[in-house]
Amino acid sequence: MRCASSGCRNRRRTRGQRTLGRPSSGARHRVMIPASAQTPPATYRPLTIATGMRAAAERTPEKIALREGERTLTYAALVDRIDRVGAMVTDGFGLGPGDNAAILSPNCLEYIEIVAGASCAGVAVATLNPRLVGREIRYICDDCGARVLFVHASLADTVRDLTLDSVERIVVLGGDYDALLAEARPLRPAPLPEWSPFSISYTSGTTGEPKGVVLPHRSRVLTFYGMAAEYGCYGPDDRYLATAPLFHGAGFAFAVAVVYFGGYCEILPGFDPERVIERLATERLGGTFFVPTHFHSVFALERPVLERHRAFERLKAIVSNAAPLAQATKERIVDYFGEGVLHETYGSTEAGIVTNLRPADQLVKQRCVGLPFVASHVRLFDDDGREVAPGEVGELFSNSPYIFNGYWGKPEETAACFRGDWFSAGDMATRDEEGFVYLVDRKKDMVISGGINIYPREIEEILFRHPGVADVAVIGVPNEKWGEELKGFVVPKPGGAPDARALESFCREHLSPYKVPKTFEFTGALPRNAAGKVLKRKLREARSGP
């Protein structure tokens, strides 16, 4: 692999090492993209996220690919619009390979065609959370140098008065977008190297300013193939319900995979729990993707509502991701949706899917995230770089075809995530003798009290089993004697709020004394990001002591 930076062109590499270059001063925003060592054969056809859609359009042009409410797109129309978007950004706006665009929109029919069309023309698209405020939008657009910003009409006022230094053109979906699309002459783009970026997905900023995760076509397309093999709901005859935000890396991948293979995808603009279970039951949908907060929303519905829509005979897979599921929640999912459908995956935007716990193991392997995903390799290392034995805690590293190109314009942060060719998202885990992986906690969330390492997730798992607890997070707070002590933040269930003494007593029944939180604070909600992860940083900032 050749590094594009002159600073590392002659650097020698040892076997198994990953060498990351620094962008030149003239390419401050560039991420180092590996160059091919050989000219590919004449029969080579690079993978892009539109490759499968084009094949489906030739095979079944009039089949419906996408639905949003009453609006639908056939495969022929979808590919035509993808090619028109490519023409719009290149011929119309003068962008080309190496340039970036951005999209600020809730889930909608246009989302997939914009990302696919621009990226197949060589223009990567930064996907922005539609809940961002002006300062956050400005930061991301400036960071990636987005030259064009696609904005949903419902969010046009959000950017109307913003000063966006890099943005040359704002295109409003539901406004001038349709006219520009109609004027564009469909452009079948020249083949791209498959490691070219298709999107820049910004992290949620749980530890500071968000970083742009540069995702290449190749990693996402190979993810689609792995998903088709593992989950069984991504074939040409499958019907999928897209409930998660498309701006999120996982939400986009799980929705687009079924369209890549020629199936059918219904896009929901947001997560309405009753609407979701009604669509799953009545529309014969075979797959969907949830985050843990989605399950909590579903099970907060009244029992008559749940029972009215309890008809999931065609459901093949519900994939849960983004945050660990409490074992009690898993048991309720299996009881309601059926025994053969729940998959719990572990991964990250940077690494893609790393492990998967299949339905048959959900209630057997407790607090487990499964075995390595298709074509993924997993290792657990200690701080000295030695692989730990089964049952010991180590930092989880993975290696697979699904890994990102790097953080946009941040080579040092990219390098810090790797040990040789192995990537880590900073999670601690153990492994049993069969190779199953068990998440322990985030490395940065580990609490050291009196010199003992304590992992809050274990305590949270116990507290979730208390009948009066709806949600919970445990953090470490300063303690003069012990260094840190444990503090629990509890969202009580309506009408059944326990007091701190009852929770302490409950913990003592199931945990060693040093793992019992010293204090509890009751709150109406925990701060979470769009992926459903608890923002413990905000809890620490707001509550630095008992």
Foldseek 3Di string as FASTA:
>chain_A
DAWPDPVCRPPDDDPLFDDADADDPVCLQDFTFDDDPDDDDPPDAAFFLCPLLVVLCVVFVQCWAEAEPPDTHGSVRLLQLLLLLLQCVCVVVPDAAPAEAEEQAFDDPCPVSNLNSNVQRRYAYQYDDNPDAQVLVLVVCQSNLHQEYEYEPVCCVRCVPHDRPRHPYYHYVVPCPVVSSVPGDGHNHDGDHQQRFSYFQWDLQLPHRTWTFTFGRQLLLVLLVLCCVPQVQQALAAEEEQAATCSHLVSVSVQSSNSSRNHYYYYYRHQDLLVVLQCQQPVLHAEYEDEQVSLLNNVVDDPVSLVVSQHRPSHRAYEYEDDDDQLVSLVVCCVRNHQFYYKYFYDHSQQRTFAIDGSVCSNPDHQFRHAGGVQKDKFFAAPVGHTDDAPDKGFIWMAGSNGTSATGSCSPVRVVQDDSRTGGPQWIWGAHPVRIIHTQAGNVQWDQWQNDTDGFVVVQSQLVPPPFFSHKGKGWAQDPPGRTFIEMETETDPPRHDDFVVSQVSSVVPDDPRRRGPYYHYDNDFDAGSSGHGSVVVVCVVDRDD
